[in-house]
Amino acid sequence: MEIINNLEKLGLTNTESTIYLALLKIGESTAVQLAKEIKIHRRTIYDNLNILLKKGLVGYKIKNNVRYFEANNPITFQSFLEEKEKTLTNILPALQSYYKNKQKSPQINVYIGVQGAKSIIEEAIQTKQTLYWVGGGLYFFDAIGYSRKFIEEKLSRTDIKIIQTATPNIKEKLKIFKKNNIKILPEKYSSKVGYLIYGNTIAIGLLQEKEMIIIKIISKEFSKGYKNYFDIMWNLGKNI
C-alpha cells in the first residue's frame, strides 16, 4: 500500500505504519479490537503502540478501566520530523569530523541501489560547488521513482554543467537545466555509464536492468583527471 510505504519513509516501521493508519481510519480502539482489525498479534500491537505513544503519534483515554487508543493529528509528523532534523543538525559536525579523520586518499566506495545514488546527489549538492555531469543519458531520473521531482528541483537550483548525447527525449529530460550549461555529443557515444564530479570526488555510475551501481572515488588526482576529460568533451560538444 503506497501510504504505508510513505509512512515508512517518514521513519516508521511497517507495523507502526499499519497501526497508525488503522487508528486514523477506525478512530479510538482497544488493543484487542485493533489486533482483530489488522490481524497482528496483540503483544506486537501493545509493543508498537508504546513506541507510537513515545513518538507522540498516538494517544489514549481510559474508559471503564480499559485503554482506548487513537491516532493523533497527522500534523504531528511535522514536529516529529523537525525534531529529527534539529537532532541531526546538532550531531552532524561531530559525525563529519569522525568521517573526515578516517579518510584516506584515494578512498573508494561502491553503492548499490537507488538510495545510494540519491545520497551521492545530495552530498554533491551540499558541497555548493559546480557539478560536472557526463553521460548516462540521465537514466538516473527514470530510476528514482517518487523522488524524481524533489531531486530535479534541487538540481535545477544548483550550478551544474552537463554533457549528454543526442538520444531520444534527451531535450525533455534536460529542460530543467539552463541551456548554456548543456553540451550535446553525437548519439553514437551514448552509454548507460555516466559520471559526476563534485569537489575532489568522482562518482561513476551504471544503470543495469533497473539496478544502479556507483563507484565513488575521493581523490584530488582522479577528480582533476576526469575534469580534464570533461573539458575536452565540453569543447567538442554542441549547444542544445
Protein backbone atom coordinates (compact mmCIF):
# COMPACT_ATOMS: atom_id res chain seq x y z
CA MET A 1 0.00 0.00 0.00
CA GLU A 2 1.52 3.30 -1.09
CA ILE A 3 0.59 5.27 2.03
CA ILE A 4 2.24 2.61 4.23
CA ASN A 5 5.40 2.85 2.13
CA ASN A 6 5.43 6.63 2.50
CA LEU A 7 4.91 6.43 6.27
CA GLU A 8 7.94 4.12 6.40
CA LYS A 9 9.94 6.76 4.54
CA LEU A 10 8.98 9.18 7.32
CA GLY A 11 10.68 6.91 9.84
CA LEU A 12 8.01 4.44 10.97
CA THR A 13 8.33 0.68 10.70
CA ASN A 14 5.83 -1.29 8.63
CA THR A 15 3.96 -2.39 11.77
CA GLU A 16 3.91 1.11 13.26
CA SER A 17 2.62 2.48 9.95
CA THR A 18 -0.12 -0.17 9.75
CA ILE A 19 -1.30 0.51 13.30
CA TYR A 20 -1.25 4.29 12.92
CA LEU A 21 -3.16 4.19 9.64
CA ALA A 22 -5.73 1.77 11.09
CA LEU A 23 -6.32 4.09 14.06
CA LEU A 24 -6.78 7.04 11.70
CA LYS A 25 -9.42 5.10 9.79
CA ILE A 26 -11.39 3.44 12.61
CA GLY A 27 -10.96 6.01 15.36
CA GLU A 28 -10.44 5.06 19.00
CA SER A 29 -9.88 1.38 19.62
CA THR A 30 -8.62 -1.04 22.25
CA ALA A 31 -5.51 -3.06 21.54
CA VAL A 32 -7.66 -6.19 21.34
CA GLN A 33 -10.01 -4.63 18.77
CA LEU A 34 -7.05 -3.33 16.82
CA ALA A 35 -5.39 -6.78 16.77
CA LYS A 36 -8.56 -8.29 15.29
CA GLU A 37 -8.94 -5.47 12.77
CA ILE A 38 -5.44 -5.64 11.28
CA LYS A 39 -4.65 -9.27 12.18
CA ILE A 40 -1.47 -8.57 14.15
CA HIS A 41 -0.67 -10.38 17.40
CA ARG A 42 -1.89 -8.47 20.46
CA ARG A 43 1.56 -8.46 22.12
CA THR A 44 3.03 -6.88 18.98
CA ILE A 45 0.19 -4.33 18.99
CA TYR A 46 0.99 -3.29 22.58
CA ASP A 47 4.72 -3.03 21.90
CA ASN A 48 4.23 -0.83 18.84
CA LEU A 49 1.54 1.30 20.46
CA ASN A 50 4.03 2.15 23.20
CA ILE A 51 6.55 3.22 20.55
CA LEU A 52 3.93 5.37 18.81
CA LEU A 53 2.97 6.91 22.17
CA LYS A 54 6.60 7.91 22.76
CA LYS A 55 6.77 9.41 19.25
CA GLY A 56 3.68 11.48 20.00
CA LEU A 57 1.71 9.96 17.14
CA VAL A 58 -0.83 8.12 19.28
CA GLY A 59 -2.73 8.98 22.46
CA TYR A 60 -5.19 7.12 24.68
CA LYS A 61 -8.07 7.59 27.08
CA ILE A 62 -9.33 5.27 29.81
CA LYS A 63 -12.98 4.23 29.96
CA ASN A 64 -14.17 1.64 32.47
CA ASN A 65 -10.52 0.81 33.25
CA VAL A 66 -9.84 -0.01 29.59
CA ARG A 67 -7.38 1.90 27.39
CA TYR A 68 -8.75 3.21 24.12
CA PHE A 69 -6.04 4.31 21.70
CA GLU A 70 -6.44 6.90 18.95
CA ALA A 71 -4.19 8.43 16.32
CA ASN A 72 -3.09 11.99 16.93
CA ASN A 73 -3.47 14.64 14.24
CA PRO A 74 -1.13 13.80 11.31
CA ILE A 75 0.28 17.33 11.60
CA THR A 76 2.29 15.79 14.46
CA PHE A 77 4.60 14.38 11.79
CA GLN A 78 5.81 17.89 11.06
CA SER A 79 7.12 18.48 14.58
CA PHE A 80 8.35 14.86 14.65
CA LEU A 81 10.49 15.47 11.55
CA GLU A 82 11.57 18.94 12.69
CA GLU A 83 12.86 17.40 15.92
CA LYS A 84 14.79 14.79 13.92
CA GLU A 85 16.25 17.49 11.69
CA LYS A 86 17.30 19.54 14.71
CA THR A 87 18.93 16.48 16.27
CA LEU A 88 20.82 15.77 13.05
CA THR A 89 21.94 19.40 12.80
CA ASN A 90 23.35 19.20 16.33
CA ILE A 91 25.33 15.99 15.83
CA LEU A 92 26.31 16.39 12.17
CA PRO A 93 29.55 18.38 12.82
CA ALA A 94 30.83 15.64 15.16
CA LEU A 95 29.85 12.87 12.73
CA GLN A 96 31.56 14.67 9.85
CA SER A 97 34.73 15.17 11.88
CA TYR A 98 34.92 11.41 12.55
CA TYR A 99 34.27 10.73 8.86
CA LYS A 100 36.95 13.13 7.61
CA ASN A 101 39.56 11.93 10.11
CA LYS A 102 39.24 8.37 8.80
CA GLN A 103 39.50 9.26 5.13
CA LYS A 104 42.50 8.23 3.07
CA SER A 105 43.27 9.20 -0.50
CA PRO A 106 42.08 7.76 -2.72
CA GLN A 107 39.01 6.49 -0.89
CA ILE A 108 36.83 4.13 -2.93
CA ASN A 109 33.28 3.05 -2.08
CA VAL A 110 30.70 1.08 -4.03
CA TYR A 111 26.99 1.90 -3.79
CA ILE A 112 24.25 -0.44 -4.95
CA GLY A 113 20.68 0.77 -5.50
CA VAL A 114 18.75 3.98 -5.88
CA GLN A 115 19.17 5.10 -2.26
CA GLY A 116 22.94 5.16 -2.66
CA ALA A 117 22.61 7.22 -5.84
CA LYS A 118 20.32 9.71 -4.12
CA SER A 119 22.75 10.07 -1.21
CA ILE A 120 25.56 10.92 -3.65
CA ILE A 121 23.42 13.53 -5.42
CA GLU A 122 22.52 15.05 -2.05
CA GLU A 123 26.19 15.07 -1.00
CA ALA A 124 27.16 16.73 -4.29
CA ILE A 125 24.53 19.45 -3.89
CA GLN A 126 25.64 20.13 -0.31
CA THR A 127 29.18 20.96 -1.46
CA LYS A 128 27.72 24.12 -3.07
CA GLN A 129 30.39 23.80 -5.78
CA THR A 130 29.96 23.48 -9.53
CA LEU A 131 28.92 19.96 -10.50
CA TYR A 132 30.01 18.31 -13.75
CA TRP A 133 27.80 15.53 -15.12
CA VAL A 134 28.78 13.44 -18.14
CA GLY A 135 26.77 10.78 -19.94
CA GLY A 136 24.48 8.11 -18.60
CA GLY A 137 21.59 9.53 -20.60
CA LEU A 138 20.15 10.83 -17.32
CA TYR A 139 18.65 7.35 -16.79
CA PHE A 140 19.13 8.15 -13.12
CA PHE A 141 15.93 10.22 -13.21
CA ASP A 142 13.97 7.30 -14.66
CA ALA A 143 15.09 5.06 -11.81
CA ILE A 144 14.43 7.19 -8.73
CA GLY A 145 10.65 6.97 -8.88
CA TYR A 146 8.70 9.14 -6.43
CA SER A 147 11.81 11.21 -5.53
CA ARG A 148 12.31 12.43 -9.10
CA LYS A 149 10.56 15.80 -8.82
CA PHE A 150 12.19 16.56 -5.45
CA ILE A 151 15.70 15.80 -6.78
CA GLU A 152 15.10 17.66 -10.06
CA GLU A 153 14.03 20.80 -8.19
CA LYS A 154 17.19 20.72 -6.09
CA LEU A 155 19.47 20.18 -9.08
CA SER A 156 17.73 22.91 -11.07
CA ARG A 157 18.89 25.39 -8.42
CA THR A 158 22.45 24.03 -8.46
CA ASP A 159 25.41 25.25 -10.51
CA ILE A 160 25.78 22.23 -12.79
CA LYS A 161 27.28 21.67 -16.24
CA ILE A 162 26.05 18.70 -18.23
CA ILE A 163 27.32 16.77 -21.27
CA GLN A 164 24.90 14.26 -22.81
CA THR A 165 24.42 12.52 -26.12
CA ALA A 166 21.64 13.25 -28.61
CA THR A 167 19.41 10.34 -27.56
CA PRO A 168 15.61 10.45 -27.99
CA ASN A 169 13.84 12.64 -25.42
CA ILE A 170 17.12 13.99 -24.05
CA LYS A 171 15.94 17.58 -24.56
CA GLU A 172 12.84 16.84 -22.49
CA LYS A 173 14.97 15.41 -19.68
CA LEU A 174 17.29 18.42 -19.77
CA LYS A 175 14.60 21.09 -19.74
CA ILE A 176 15.02 21.81 -16.02
CA PHE A 177 18.63 22.94 -16.58
CA LYS A 178 19.99 26.16 -18.07
CA LYS A 179 20.66 25.78 -21.80
CA ASN A 180 24.04 27.47 -21.68
CA ASN A 181 25.16 24.84 -19.13
CA ILE A 182 24.49 21.94 -21.51
CA LYS A 183 26.51 20.46 -24.35
CA ILE A 184 25.40 17.64 -26.66
CA LEU A 185 27.55 14.97 -28.33
CA PRO A 186 26.52 12.64 -31.19
CA GLU A 187 24.21 9.73 -30.29
CA LYS A 188 26.84 7.15 -31.28
CA TYR A 189 28.64 7.96 -28.00
CA SER A 190 25.56 7.08 -25.95
CA SER A 191 26.07 4.86 -22.90
CA LYS A 192 24.33 3.96 -19.65
CA VAL A 193 27.60 4.70 -17.90
CA GLY A 194 28.00 8.26 -16.67
CA TYR A 195 30.00 10.18 -14.11
CA LEU A 196 29.56 13.13 -11.79
CA ILE A 197 32.38 15.32 -10.49
CA TYR A 198 31.98 17.40 -7.33
CA GLY A 199 34.92 18.84 -5.46
CA ASN A 200 37.57 16.14 -5.08
CA THR A 201 35.04 13.38 -5.68
CA ILE A 202 34.17 11.45 -8.83
CA ALA A 203 31.11 9.17 -8.91
CA ILE A 204 30.92 6.72 -11.82
CA GLY A 205 27.51 5.15 -12.29
CA LEU A 206 25.84 2.43 -14.34
CA LEU A 207 22.12 1.63 -14.56
CA GLN A 208 21.80 -2.05 -15.42
CA GLU A 209 18.43 -3.84 -15.51
CA LYS A 210 16.93 -1.26 -13.13
CA GLU A 211 19.80 -1.76 -10.64
CA MET A 212 22.07 1.21 -10.07
CA ILE A 213 25.76 0.65 -9.34
CA ILE A 214 28.00 3.57 -8.42
CA ILE A 215 31.73 3.70 -7.70
CA LYS A 216 32.64 6.76 -5.66
CA ILE A 217 36.29 7.85 -5.59
CA ILE A 218 37.50 10.62 -3.32
CA SER A 219 40.81 11.76 -4.77
CA LYS A 220 42.10 15.12 -5.95
CA GLU A 221 44.07 13.41 -8.73
CA PHE A 222 41.11 11.36 -10.01
CA SER A 223 38.84 14.38 -9.86
CA LYS A 224 41.30 16.56 -11.77
CA GLY A 225 41.85 13.86 -14.42
CA TYR A 226 38.14 13.36 -15.08
CA LYS A 227 37.62 17.12 -15.11
CA ASN A 228 40.20 17.32 -17.91
CA TYR A 229 38.18 14.75 -19.88
CA PHE A 230 35.08 16.81 -19.20
CA ASP A 231 36.73 19.97 -20.58
CA ILE A 232 37.76 18.16 -23.78
CA MET A 233 34.22 16.88 -24.36
CA TRP A 234 32.73 20.27 -23.47
CA ASN A 235 34.80 21.92 -26.21
CA LEU A 236 33.71 19.24 -28.71
CA GLY A 237 30.04 19.38 -27.80
CA LYS A 238 27.30 21.45 -29.39
CA ASN A 239 24.81 23.73 -27.72
CA ILE A 240 21.40 22.23 -27.13
